[in-house]
Amino acid sequence: MMHIADLPDTIAVFPLPRAILLPRARLPLHIFEPRYLQMFEDALKTPERLIGMIQPCAGSEALQAIGCAGRVTQFSETEDGRYMVTLSGLSRFRILDEVSGFSPYRRCDVSWTGFDRDLGTAAETDTEFDRAGFLALLERLFVAQGLSTDWDSLKEAEDELLINSLSMLLEFEPEDKQALLEAPCLATRRKTLVTLIEFSLRGGADEDILQ
């Protein structure tokens, strides 16, 4: 298991709105801009192979305070020089300062303090999770949005994989995605996700919310 002391103080960051990564989850990326191709190639030269996913602030070049670093665990190169990359979520981080320099991509000094549970190998659990009720709510959302999925796989997925994957994949506003990222535990993330799904289904009307 990796510890905070093993993590670098400075990492490359990839600002991408509506894209979050969560610990022990996987995020596929299509990298084609020259500066991010350089970022990816530089990350491969380091022992940690980390890239920090973070959202930019709305209408600004500023970055959100908290992101999540992922380790490059899989990649393939296309004939025209693009990369299909998979990041495996390792730990969230807090930005301390942006590093100035000659790098074509952005780099930040970060703190990993406060995210100790992210580094654990065991998945988080949610003892109050009403899986049947949650899946019924999710089915309503998928029907309303014309989405399809492998329901058998969803029913069999561990609590953390289910909640974190949906938090990453479902379409919400950037500030809502950030709230899901910053949730201190799985139960809080699940409650936030349920609230966002309910709002999406009813257009923000004030009704009882499944918790």
C-alpha atoms as a PDB file:
ATOM      1  CA  MET A   1       0.000   0.000   0.000  1.00  0.00           C
ATOM      2  CA  MET A   2       1.273   3.468  -0.862  1.00  0.00           C
ATOM      3  CA  HIS A   3       1.614   6.065   1.891  1.00  0.00           C
ATOM      4  CA  ILE A   4       1.474   9.866   1.824  1.00  0.00           C
ATOM      5  CA  ALA A   5       5.247   9.995   2.296  1.00  0.00           C
ATOM      6  CA  ASP A   6       5.653   8.104  -0.990  1.00  0.00           C
ATOM      7  CA  LEU A   7       3.768  10.719  -3.022  1.00  0.00           C
ATOM      8  CA  PRO A   8       5.488  13.629  -4.790  1.00  0.00           C
ATOM      9  CA  ASP A   9       5.099  17.216  -3.606  1.00  0.00           C
ATOM     10  CA  THR A  10       4.654  18.481  -7.187  1.00  0.00           C
ATOM     11  CA  ILE A  11       2.518  16.908  -9.908  1.00  0.00           C
ATOM     12  CA  ALA A  12       1.321  17.693 -13.413  1.00  0.00           C
ATOM     13  CA  VAL A  13      -2.345  18.645 -13.541  1.00  0.00           C
ATOM     14  CA  PHE A  14      -4.847  18.137 -16.347  1.00  0.00           C
ATOM     15  CA  PRO A  15      -7.669  20.733 -16.082  1.00  0.00           C
ATOM     16  CA  LEU A  16     -10.850  19.336 -17.584  1.00  0.00           C
ATOM     17  CA  PRO A  17     -14.377  20.583 -16.790  1.00  0.00           C
ATOM     18  CA  ARG A  18     -16.991  17.965 -15.823  1.00  0.00           C
ATOM     19  CA  ALA A  19     -14.282  15.301 -15.525  1.00  0.00           C
ATOM     20  CA  ILE A  20     -13.459  13.942 -12.088  1.00  0.00           C
ATOM     21  CA  LEU A  21     -11.472  10.951 -10.934  1.00  0.00           C
ATOM     22  CA  LEU A  22     -12.075   9.143  -7.652  1.00  0.00           C
ATOM     23  CA  PRO A  23      -9.861   6.779  -5.641  1.00  0.00           C
ATOM     24  CA  ARG A  24      -9.833   3.176  -6.885  1.00  0.00           C
ATOM     25  CA  ALA A  25     -11.882   4.152  -9.948  1.00  0.00           C
ATOM     26  CA  ARG A  26     -10.661   4.292 -13.542  1.00  0.00           C
ATOM     27  CA  LEU A  27     -10.872   7.160 -15.993  1.00  0.00           C
ATOM     28  CA  PRO A  28     -10.237   6.730 -19.726  1.00  0.00           C
ATOM     29  CA  LEU A  29      -8.620   9.725 -21.425  1.00  0.00           C
ATOM     30  CA  HIS A  30      -8.039  10.591 -25.065  1.00  0.00           C
ATOM     31  CA  ILE A  31      -4.875  12.710 -25.185  1.00  0.00           C
ATOM     32  CA  PHE A  32      -4.055  14.575 -28.383  1.00  0.00           C
ATOM     33  CA  GLU A  33      -3.063  18.200 -27.607  1.00  0.00           C
ATOM     34  CA  PRO A  34       0.736  18.632 -27.857  1.00  0.00           C
ATOM     35  CA  ARG A  35       1.100  20.019 -24.315  1.00  0.00           C
ATOM     36  CA  TYR A  36      -0.802  17.090 -22.819  1.00  0.00           C
ATOM     37  CA  LEU A  37       1.071  14.587 -24.961  1.00  0.00           C
ATOM     38  CA  GLN A  38       4.222  16.039 -23.400  1.00  0.00           C
ATOM     39  CA  MET A  39       2.629  15.816 -19.938  1.00  0.00           C
ATOM     40  CA  PHE A  40       1.794  12.153 -20.478  1.00  0.00           C
ATOM     41  CA  GLU A  41       5.247  11.275 -21.795  1.00  0.00           C
ATOM     42  CA  ASP A  42       6.895  13.071 -18.863  1.00  0.00           C
ATOM     43  CA  ALA A  43       4.639  11.266 -16.381  1.00  0.00           C
ATOM     44  CA  LEU A  44       5.776   7.907 -17.774  1.00  0.00           C
ATOM     45  CA  LYS A  45       9.377   8.840 -16.924  1.00  0.00           C
ATOM     46  CA  THR A  46       8.583   9.168 -13.206  1.00  0.00           C
ATOM     47  CA  PRO A  47       8.298   6.206 -10.797  1.00  0.00           C
ATOM     48  CA  GLU A  48       4.776   7.206  -9.705  1.00  0.00           C
ATOM     49  CA  ARG A  49       3.388   7.896 -13.238  1.00  0.00           C
ATOM     50  CA  LEU A  50       0.863  10.345 -11.762  1.00  0.00           C
ATOM     51  CA  ILE A  51      -1.397  12.873 -13.478  1.00  0.00           C
ATOM     52  CA  GLY A  52      -3.643  15.111 -11.397  1.00  0.00           C
ATOM     53  CA  MET A  53      -7.179  15.500 -12.718  1.00  0.00           C
ATOM     54  CA  ILE A  54      -8.760  18.790 -11.679  1.00  0.00           C
ATOM     55  CA  GLN A  55     -11.600  21.009 -12.820  1.00  0.00           C
ATOM     56  CA  PRO A  56     -11.047  24.653 -13.759  1.00  0.00           C
ATOM     57  CA  CYS A  57     -13.186  27.240 -12.024  1.00  0.00           C
ATOM     58  CA  ALA A  58     -16.121  28.440 -14.128  1.00  0.00           C
ATOM     59  CA  GLY A  59     -15.150  31.168 -16.571  1.00  0.00           C
ATOM     60  CA  SER A  60     -11.611  31.357 -15.242  1.00  0.00           C
ATOM     61  CA  GLU A  61      -8.113  29.974 -15.671  1.00  0.00           C
ATOM     62  CA  ALA A  62      -8.048  29.348 -11.917  1.00  0.00           C
ATOM     63  CA  LEU A  63      -8.230  25.761 -10.704  1.00  0.00           C
ATOM     64  CA  GLN A  64     -10.475  24.202  -8.113  1.00  0.00           C
ATOM     65  CA  ALA A  65      -8.776  23.649  -4.760  1.00  0.00           C
ATOM     66  CA  ILE A  66      -9.145  19.849  -4.783  1.00  0.00           C
ATOM     67  CA  GLY A  67      -8.473  17.269  -7.474  1.00  0.00           C
ATOM     68  CA  CYS A  68      -7.560  13.591  -7.650  1.00  0.00           C
ATOM     69  CA  ALA A  69      -4.346  12.045  -8.900  1.00  0.00           C
ATOM     70  CA  GLY A  70      -4.378   8.952 -11.040  1.00  0.00           C
ATOM     71  CA  ARG A  71      -1.637   6.537 -11.953  1.00  0.00           C
ATOM     72  CA  VAL A  72      -1.190   5.663 -15.616  1.00  0.00           C
ATOM     73  CA  THR A  73      -1.979   1.956 -15.650  1.00  0.00           C
ATOM     74  CA  GLN A  74      -2.725   1.389 -19.323  1.00  0.00           C
ATOM     75  CA  PHE A  75      -2.192   3.186 -22.599  1.00  0.00           C
ATOM     76  CA  SER A  76      -2.074   2.646 -26.332  1.00  0.00           C
ATOM     77  CA  GLU A  77      -0.834   4.868 -29.129  1.00  0.00           C
ATOM     78  CA  THR A  78      -2.739   5.511 -32.336  1.00  0.00           C
ATOM     79  CA  GLU A  79      -1.083   5.691 -35.738  1.00  0.00           C
ATOM     80  CA  ASP A  80      -1.340   9.485 -35.757  1.00  0.00           C
ATOM     81  CA  GLY A  81       0.395   9.910 -32.398  1.00  0.00           C
ATOM     82  CA  ARG A  82      -2.561  10.239 -30.020  1.00  0.00           C
ATOM     83  CA  TYR A  83      -2.820   8.239 -26.799  1.00  0.00           C
ATOM     84  CA  MET A  84      -5.687   6.343 -25.237  1.00  0.00           C
ATOM     85  CA  VAL A  85      -4.853   6.360 -21.534  1.00  0.00           C
ATOM     86  CA  THR A  86      -6.397   4.816 -18.438  1.00  0.00           C
ATOM     87  CA  LEU A  87      -5.829   6.526 -15.093  1.00  0.00           C
ATOM     88  CA  SER A  88      -6.438   4.554 -11.905  1.00  0.00           C
ATOM     89  CA  GLY A  89      -7.499   6.857  -9.091  1.00  0.00           C
ATOM     90  CA  LEU A  90      -4.952   6.980  -6.280  1.00  0.00           C
ATOM     91  CA  SER A  91      -5.685   9.886  -3.943  1.00  0.00           C
ATOM     92  CA  ARG A  92      -7.249  13.298  -3.817  1.00  0.00           C
ATOM     93  CA  PHE A  93      -5.003  16.280  -3.246  1.00  0.00           C
ATOM     94  CA  ARG A  94      -5.264  19.945  -2.315  1.00  0.00           C
ATOM     95  CA  ILE A  95      -3.445  22.550  -4.409  1.00  0.00           C
ATOM     96  CA  LEU A  96      -0.992  24.681  -2.467  1.00  0.00           C
ATOM     97  CA  ASP A  97       0.459  26.723  -5.308  1.00  0.00           C
ATOM     98  CA  GLU A  98       0.929  26.608  -9.055  1.00  0.00           C
ATOM     99  CA  VAL A  99       4.508  26.132 -10.203  1.00  0.00           C
ATOM    100  CA  SER A 100       5.800  28.621 -12.740  1.00  0.00           C
ATOM    101  CA  GLY A 101       8.337  27.516 -15.315  1.00  0.00           C
ATOM    102  CA  PHE A 102       8.891  26.500 -18.893  1.00  0.00           C
ATOM    103  CA  SER A 103       6.649  23.437 -18.918  1.00  0.00           C
ATOM    104  CA  PRO A 104       3.930  23.576 -21.618  1.00  0.00           C
ATOM    105  CA  TYR A 105       1.447  22.054 -19.162  1.00  0.00           C
ATOM    106  CA  ARG A 106       0.461  23.148 -15.666  1.00  0.00           C
ATOM    107  CA  ARG A 107       2.190  21.813 -12.552  1.00  0.00           C
ATOM    108  CA  CYS A 108       1.221  22.367  -8.935  1.00  0.00           C
ATOM    109  CA  ASP A 109       2.636  21.921  -5.473  1.00  0.00           C
ATOM    110  CA  VAL A 110       0.065  19.819  -3.645  1.00  0.00           C
ATOM    111  CA  SER A 111      -0.790  18.452  -0.214  1.00  0.00           C
ATOM    112  CA  TRP A 112      -2.113  14.928   0.301  1.00  0.00           C
ATOM    113  CA  THR A 113      -2.966  15.554   3.949  1.00  0.00           C
ATOM    114  CA  GLY A 114      -6.544  14.753   4.947  1.00  0.00           C
ATOM    115  CA  PHE A 115      -7.070  12.107   2.271  1.00  0.00           C
ATOM    116  CA  ASP A 116      -5.482   9.152   4.067  1.00  0.00           C
ATOM    117  CA  ARG A 117      -8.419   6.819   3.431  1.00  0.00           C
ATOM    118  CA  ASP A 118      -8.019   7.329  -0.326  1.00  0.00           C
ATOM    119  CA  LEU A 119      -4.758   5.388  -0.244  1.00  0.00           C
ATOM    120  CA  GLY A 120      -6.271   2.279   1.314  1.00  0.00           C
ATOM    121  CA  THR A 121      -6.567  -0.790  -0.853  1.00  0.00           C
ATOM    122  CA  ALA A 122      -9.908  -1.817   0.642  1.00  0.00           C
ATOM    123  CA  ALA A 123     -13.041  -0.332  -0.894  1.00  0.00           C
ATOM    124  CA  GLU A 124     -15.181   1.939   1.261  1.00  0.00           C
ATOM    125  CA  THR A 125     -18.555   0.637   2.356  1.00  0.00           C
ATOM    126  CA  ASP A 126     -21.863   2.387   3.036  1.00  0.00           C
ATOM    127  CA  THR A 127     -23.832   0.549   5.724  1.00  0.00           C
ATOM    128  CA  GLU A 128     -27.009   2.603   5.126  1.00  0.00           C
ATOM    129  CA  PHE A 129     -27.047   2.140   1.359  1.00  0.00           C
ATOM    130  CA  ASP A 130     -30.515   1.175   0.088  1.00  0.00           C
ATOM    131  CA  ARG A 131     -29.302  -0.505  -3.090  1.00  0.00           C
ATOM    132  CA  ALA A 132     -32.753  -1.531  -4.354  1.00  0.00           C
ATOM    133  CA  GLY A 133     -34.148   1.966  -3.882  1.00  0.00           C
ATOM    134  CA  PHE A 134     -31.074   3.536  -5.466  1.00  0.00           C
ATOM    135  CA  LEU A 135     -31.207   1.290  -8.527  1.00  0.00           C
ATOM    136  CA  ALA A 136     -34.919   2.037  -8.970  1.00  0.00           C
ATOM    137  CA  LEU A 137     -34.126   5.759  -8.886  1.00  0.00           C
ATOM    138  CA  LEU A 138     -31.257   5.263 -11.321  1.00  0.00           C
ATOM    139  CA  GLU A 139     -33.512   3.363 -13.716  1.00  0.00           C
ATOM    140  CA  ARG A 140     -35.929   6.312 -13.739  1.00  0.00           C
ATOM    141  CA  LEU A 141     -33.040   8.593 -14.692  1.00  0.00           C
ATOM    142  CA  PHE A 142     -31.824   6.301 -17.450  1.00  0.00           C
ATOM    143  CA  VAL A 143     -35.325   5.994 -18.906  1.00  0.00           C
ATOM    144  CA  ALA A 144     -35.831   9.773 -18.762  1.00  0.00           C
ATOM    145  CA  GLN A 145     -32.504  10.420 -20.511  1.00  0.00           C
ATOM    146  CA  GLY A 146     -32.707   7.528 -22.970  1.00  0.00           C
ATOM    147  CA  LEU A 147     -29.614   5.847 -21.534  1.00  0.00           C
ATOM    148  CA  SER A 148     -28.799   2.142 -21.423  1.00  0.00           C
ATOM    149  CA  THR A 149     -26.507   0.085 -19.238  1.00  0.00           C
ATOM    150  CA  ASP A 150     -25.670  -3.430 -18.095  1.00  0.00           C
ATOM    151  CA  TRP A 151     -28.030  -3.682 -15.125  1.00  0.00           C
ATOM    152  CA  ASP A 152     -26.702  -7.076 -14.064  1.00  0.00           C
ATOM    153  CA  SER A 153     -23.209  -5.610 -13.652  1.00  0.00           C
ATOM    154  CA  LEU A 154     -24.579  -2.655 -11.702  1.00  0.00           C
ATOM    155  CA  LYS A 155     -26.441  -4.955  -9.328  1.00  0.00           C
ATOM    156  CA  GLU A 156     -23.281  -6.970  -8.662  1.00  0.00           C
ATOM    157  CA  ALA A 157     -20.869  -4.020  -8.288  1.00  0.00           C
ATOM    158  CA  GLU A 158     -19.473  -3.190  -4.856  1.00  0.00           C
ATOM    159  CA  ASP A 159     -20.952  -0.101  -3.200  1.00  0.00           C
ATOM    160  CA  GLU A 160     -17.880   2.048  -3.802  1.00  0.00           C
ATOM    161  CA  LEU A 161     -17.437   1.040  -7.429  1.00  0.00           C
ATOM    162  CA  LEU A 162     -21.116   1.679  -8.141  1.00  0.00           C
ATOM    163  CA  ILE A 163     -21.318   5.095  -6.466  1.00  0.00           C
ATOM    164  CA  ASN A 164     -17.938   6.367  -7.637  1.00  0.00           C
ATOM    165  CA  SER A 165     -18.362   5.194 -11.232  1.00  0.00           C
ATOM    166  CA  LEU A 166     -21.766   6.858 -11.512  1.00  0.00           C
ATOM    167  CA  SER A 167     -20.421  10.037  -9.897  1.00  0.00           C
ATOM    168  CA  MET A 168     -17.790  10.172 -12.624  1.00  0.00           C
ATOM    169  CA  LEU A 169     -19.965   9.139 -15.569  1.00  0.00           C
ATOM    170  CA  LEU A 170     -23.309  10.891 -15.092  1.00  0.00           C
ATOM    171  CA  GLU A 171     -23.738  14.346 -16.598  1.00  0.00           C
ATOM    172  CA  PHE A 172     -23.912  17.057 -13.933  1.00  0.00           C
ATOM    173  CA  GLU A 173     -22.778  20.658 -13.714  1.00  0.00           C
ATOM    174  CA  PRO A 174     -19.082  21.194 -12.846  1.00  0.00           C
ATOM    175  CA  GLU A 175     -19.906  22.493  -9.363  1.00  0.00           C
ATOM    176  CA  ASP A 176     -21.999  19.367  -8.725  1.00  0.00           C
ATOM    177  CA  LYS A 177     -19.165  17.153  -9.937  1.00  0.00           C
ATOM    178  CA  GLN A 178     -16.863  18.993  -7.555  1.00  0.00           C
ATOM    179  CA  ALA A 179     -19.210  18.334  -4.645  1.00  0.00           C
ATOM    180  CA  LEU A 180     -19.138  14.615  -5.470  1.00  0.00           C
ATOM    181  CA  LEU A 181     -15.347  14.683  -5.615  1.00  0.00           C
ATOM    182  CA  GLU A 182     -14.973  16.498  -2.304  1.00  0.00           C
ATOM    183  CA  ALA A 183     -17.452  14.326  -0.365  1.00  0.00           C
ATOM    184  CA  PRO A 184     -15.576  13.178   2.765  1.00  0.00           C
ATOM    185  CA  CYS A 185     -16.886   9.599   2.696  1.00  0.00           C
ATOM    186  CA  LEU A 186     -18.839   7.210   0.491  1.00  0.00           C
ATOM    187  CA  ALA A 187     -22.112   7.729   2.376  1.00  0.00           C
ATOM    188  CA  THR A 188     -21.929  11.502   1.832  1.00  0.00           C
ATOM    189  CA  ARG A 189     -21.124  10.999  -1.852  1.00  0.00           C
ATOM    190  CA  ARG A 190     -24.078   8.633  -2.213  1.00  0.00           C
ATOM    191  CA  LYS A 191     -26.439  11.142  -0.576  1.00  0.00           C
ATOM    192  CA  THR A 192     -25.109  13.917  -2.834  1.00  0.00           C
ATOM    193  CA  LEU A 193     -25.518  11.711  -5.902  1.00  0.00           C
ATOM    194  CA  VAL A 194     -29.094  10.833  -4.959  1.00  0.00           C
ATOM    195  CA  THR A 195     -29.906  14.512  -4.493  1.00  0.00           C
ATOM    196  CA  LEU A 196     -28.487  15.370  -7.918  1.00  0.00           C
ATOM    197  CA  ILE A 197     -30.406  12.541  -9.608  1.00  0.00           C
ATOM    198  CA  GLU A 198     -33.637  13.630  -7.902  1.00  0.00           C
ATOM    199  CA  PHE A 199     -33.081  17.228  -8.995  1.00  0.00           C
ATOM    200  CA  SER A 200     -32.417  16.080 -12.540  1.00  0.00           C
ATOM    201  CA  LEU A 201     -35.638  14.075 -12.602  1.00  0.00           C
ATOM    202  CA  ARG A 202     -37.888  16.760 -11.185  1.00  0.00           C
ATOM    203  CA  GLY A 203     -36.237  19.960 -12.329  1.00  0.00           C
ATOM    204  CA  GLY A 204     -35.362  21.151  -8.821  1.00  0.00           C
ATOM    205  CA  ALA A 205     -38.838  20.849  -7.304  1.00  0.00           C
ATOM    206  CA  ASP A 206     -38.983  20.385  -3.560  1.00  0.00           C
ATOM    207  CA  GLU A 207     -39.906  16.772  -2.892  1.00  0.00           C
ATOM    208  CA  ASP A 208     -38.759  14.103  -0.486  1.00  0.00           C
ATOM    209  CA  ILE A 209     -35.313  12.859  -1.335  1.00  0.00           C
ATOM    210  CA  LEU A 210     -34.259   9.240  -1.072  1.00  0.00           C
ATOM    211  CA  GLN A 211     -31.366   8.957   1.351  1.00  0.00           C
END
